[in-house]
Amino acid sequence: MHRLVDQLTGDQLREIRTHTLRLVHSSEQAESDSWPPAFFGSVRAGRSDVAARTEEILAEGLGHDE
């Protein structure tokens, strides 16, 4: 990548910088505007209220086979 950039002219570098900044800013804006975030709901336990069931989960051995 560094060698490719070294081959560019000053005008080309300015154009690439402008385009790159536009891409970065548009992705930052898209991330901040989206709710819920992309990771939200990515893990589904299938059981509700895990905190209230701590003792039960520990008694089950955290799902590990002995």
N, C-alpha and C. Protein backbone atom coordinates (compact mmCIF):
# COMPACT_ATOMS: atom_id res chain seq x y z
N MET A 1 0.83 -1.17 0.00
CA MET A 1 0.00 0.00 0.00
C MET A 1 0.89 1.25 0.00
N HIS A 2 1.92 1.20 0.81
CA HIS A 2 2.81 2.36 0.91
C HIS A 2 3.46 2.66 -0.44
N ARG A 3 3.89 1.60 -1.14
CA ARG A 3 4.52 1.79 -2.46
C ARG A 3 3.52 2.37 -3.46
N LEU A 4 2.28 1.95 -3.39
CA LEU A 4 1.26 2.49 -4.29
C LEU A 4 1.04 3.98 -4.03
N VAL A 5 0.95 4.34 -2.78
CA VAL A 5 0.74 5.75 -2.43
C VAL A 5 1.91 6.59 -2.88
N ASP A 6 3.10 6.06 -2.76
CA ASP A 6 4.29 6.80 -3.20
C ASP A 6 4.26 7.13 -4.69
N GLN A 7 3.53 6.36 -5.47
CA GLN A 7 3.47 6.57 -6.92
C GLN A 7 2.43 7.62 -7.32
N LEU A 8 1.61 8.07 -6.40
CA LEU A 8 0.55 9.03 -6.72
C LEU A 8 1.09 10.45 -6.78
N THR A 9 0.42 11.25 -7.61
CA THR A 9 0.77 12.67 -7.70
C THR A 9 0.10 13.42 -6.54
N GLY A 10 0.49 14.65 -6.33
CA GLY A 10 -0.11 15.48 -5.28
C GLY A 10 -1.61 15.64 -5.47
N ASP A 11 -2.05 15.88 -6.73
CA ASP A 11 -3.48 16.02 -7.00
C ASP A 11 -4.23 14.73 -6.69
N GLN A 12 -3.63 13.59 -7.05
CA GLN A 12 -4.27 12.31 -6.77
C GLN A 12 -4.37 12.07 -5.26
N LEU A 13 -3.33 12.43 -4.54
CA LEU A 13 -3.36 12.26 -3.09
C LEU A 13 -4.45 13.11 -2.44
N ARG A 14 -4.59 14.34 -2.89
CA ARG A 14 -5.64 15.20 -2.35
C ARG A 14 -7.03 14.63 -2.65
N GLU A 15 -7.21 14.10 -3.85
CA GLU A 15 -8.50 13.51 -4.22
C GLU A 15 -8.80 12.27 -3.37
N ILE A 16 -7.79 11.44 -3.18
CA ILE A 16 -7.98 10.24 -2.36
C ILE A 16 -8.25 10.61 -0.91
N ARG A 17 -7.54 11.61 -0.41
CA ARG A 17 -7.77 12.05 0.98
C ARG A 17 -9.20 12.54 1.15
N THR A 18 -9.68 13.35 0.21
CA THR A 18 -11.05 13.87 0.27
C THR A 18 -12.06 12.73 0.26
N HIS A 19 -11.86 11.79 -0.65
CA HIS A 19 -12.78 10.66 -0.76
C HIS A 19 -12.74 9.80 0.51
N THR A 20 -11.55 9.55 1.03
CA THR A 20 -11.40 8.73 2.23
C THR A 20 -12.07 9.38 3.43
N LEU A 21 -11.87 10.68 3.60
CA LEU A 21 -12.50 11.39 4.71
C LEU A 21 -14.02 11.34 4.59
N ARG A 22 -14.53 11.46 3.38
CA ARG A 22 -15.98 11.38 3.15
C ARG A 22 -16.50 10.00 3.57
N LEU A 23 -15.77 8.95 3.21
CA LEU A 23 -16.17 7.60 3.59
C LEU A 23 -16.15 7.40 5.10
N VAL A 24 -15.09 7.89 5.74
CA VAL A 24 -14.97 7.73 7.19
C VAL A 24 -16.09 8.48 7.90
N HIS A 25 -16.34 9.71 7.49
CA HIS A 25 -17.37 10.51 8.15
C HIS A 25 -18.76 9.94 7.91
N SER A 26 -19.01 9.41 6.73
CA SER A 26 -20.34 8.85 6.46
C SER A 26 -20.56 7.57 7.26
N SER A 27 -19.52 6.76 7.45
CA SER A 27 -19.68 5.54 8.24
C SER A 27 -19.83 5.88 9.72
N GLU A 28 -19.14 6.90 10.20
CA GLU A 28 -19.30 7.32 11.59
C GLU A 28 -20.72 7.83 11.83
N GLN A 29 -21.23 8.59 10.89
CA GLN A 29 -22.60 9.12 11.00
C GLN A 29 -23.61 7.98 10.98
N ALA A 30 -23.41 7.01 10.09
CA ALA A 30 -24.34 5.88 10.00
C ALA A 30 -24.34 5.07 11.29
N GLU A 31 -23.17 4.87 11.88
CA GLU A 31 -23.08 4.11 13.13
C GLU A 31 -23.77 4.84 14.27
N SER A 32 -23.59 6.15 14.35
CA SER A 32 -24.18 6.89 15.46
C SER A 32 -25.68 7.05 15.29
N ASP A 33 -26.19 6.99 14.07
CA ASP A 33 -27.62 7.14 13.82
C ASP A 33 -28.41 5.85 14.01
N SER A 34 -27.73 4.73 13.92
CA SER A 34 -28.46 3.47 13.97
C SER A 34 -28.68 3.02 15.41
N TRP A 35 -29.90 2.68 15.70
CA TRP A 35 -30.24 2.12 17.01
C TRP A 35 -31.24 1.03 16.80
N PRO A 36 -31.10 -0.08 17.38
CA PRO A 36 -30.01 -0.44 18.26
C PRO A 36 -28.74 -0.70 17.47
N PRO A 37 -27.60 -0.71 18.15
CA PRO A 37 -26.34 -0.98 17.45
C PRO A 37 -26.35 -2.37 16.82
N ALA A 38 -25.47 -2.59 15.87
CA ALA A 38 -25.45 -3.84 15.11
C ALA A 38 -25.29 -5.07 16.01
N PHE A 39 -24.53 -4.94 17.12
CA PHE A 39 -24.30 -6.10 17.97
C PHE A 39 -25.49 -6.42 18.87
N PHE A 40 -26.43 -5.50 18.98
CA PHE A 40 -27.56 -5.65 19.89
C PHE A 40 -28.39 -6.87 19.50
N GLY A 41 -28.63 -7.72 20.45
CA GLY A 41 -29.43 -8.91 20.19
C GLY A 41 -28.68 -10.01 19.47
N SER A 42 -27.36 -9.89 19.38
CA SER A 42 -26.59 -10.89 18.66
C SER A 42 -26.46 -12.18 19.46
N VAL A 43 -26.65 -12.08 20.76
CA VAL A 43 -26.59 -13.27 21.61
C VAL A 43 -27.97 -13.49 22.20
N ARG A 44 -28.48 -14.66 21.99
CA ARG A 44 -29.79 -15.00 22.54
C ARG A 44 -29.63 -16.21 23.46
N ALA A 45 -29.93 -16.03 24.73
CA ALA A 45 -29.75 -17.10 25.69
C ALA A 45 -30.88 -18.11 25.65
N GLY A 46 -32.06 -17.67 25.25
CA GLY A 46 -33.19 -18.57 25.24
C GLY A 46 -33.89 -18.66 26.58
N ARG A 47 -33.28 -18.11 27.59
CA ARG A 47 -33.86 -18.07 28.93
C ARG A 47 -33.91 -16.63 29.38
N SER A 48 -34.87 -16.32 30.20
CA SER A 48 -34.99 -14.93 30.64
C SER A 48 -34.41 -14.75 32.04
N ASP A 49 -34.13 -13.54 32.36
CA ASP A 49 -33.66 -13.11 33.67
C ASP A 49 -32.53 -13.97 34.23
N VAL A 50 -31.41 -13.94 33.54
CA VAL A 50 -30.25 -14.73 33.93
C VAL A 50 -29.77 -14.36 35.33
N ALA A 51 -29.80 -13.08 35.68
CA ALA A 51 -29.32 -12.65 37.00
C ALA A 51 -30.12 -13.28 38.12
N ALA A 52 -31.43 -13.41 37.94
CA ALA A 52 -32.27 -14.01 38.98
C ALA A 52 -32.06 -15.51 39.06
N ARG A 53 -31.51 -16.11 38.02
CA ARG A 53 -31.34 -17.56 37.97
C ARG A 53 -29.90 -17.98 38.22
N THR A 54 -29.08 -17.13 38.79
CA THR A 54 -27.65 -17.42 38.97
C THR A 54 -27.42 -18.74 39.69
N GLU A 55 -28.10 -18.95 40.80
CA GLU A 55 -27.90 -20.18 41.58
C GLU A 55 -28.29 -21.40 40.76
N GLU A 56 -29.40 -21.32 40.03
CA GLU A 56 -29.84 -22.44 39.20
C GLU A 56 -28.82 -22.76 38.10
N ILE A 57 -28.30 -21.71 37.47
CA ILE A 57 -27.31 -21.90 36.39
C ILE A 57 -26.04 -22.52 36.94
N LEU A 58 -25.58 -22.04 38.09
CA LEU A 58 -24.38 -22.60 38.71
C LEU A 58 -24.60 -24.06 39.11
N ALA A 59 -25.80 -24.37 39.60
CA ALA A 59 -26.10 -25.74 39.97
C ALA A 59 -26.10 -26.67 38.76
N GLU A 60 -26.45 -26.12 37.59
CA GLU A 60 -26.43 -26.92 36.36
C GLU A 60 -25.00 -27.13 35.86
N GLY A 61 -24.05 -26.50 36.47
CA GLY A 61 -22.65 -26.67 36.07
C GLY A 61 -22.31 -25.88 34.82
N LEU A 62 -23.02 -24.80 34.57
CA LEU A 62 -22.77 -23.93 33.44
C LEU A 62 -22.83 -24.67 32.11
N GLY A 63 -23.54 -25.78 32.08
CA GLY A 63 -23.70 -26.50 30.83
C GLY A 63 -22.54 -27.39 30.46
N HIS A 64 -21.57 -27.55 31.35
CA HIS A 64 -20.40 -28.39 31.06
C HIS A 64 -20.73 -29.84 31.41
N ASP A 65 -20.34 -30.73 30.54
CA ASP A 65 -20.48 -32.16 30.82
C ASP A 65 -19.36 -32.61 31.74
N GLU A 66 -19.70 -33.44 32.68
CA GLU A 66 -18.68 -33.92 33.61
C GLU A 66 -18.14 -35.25 33.17
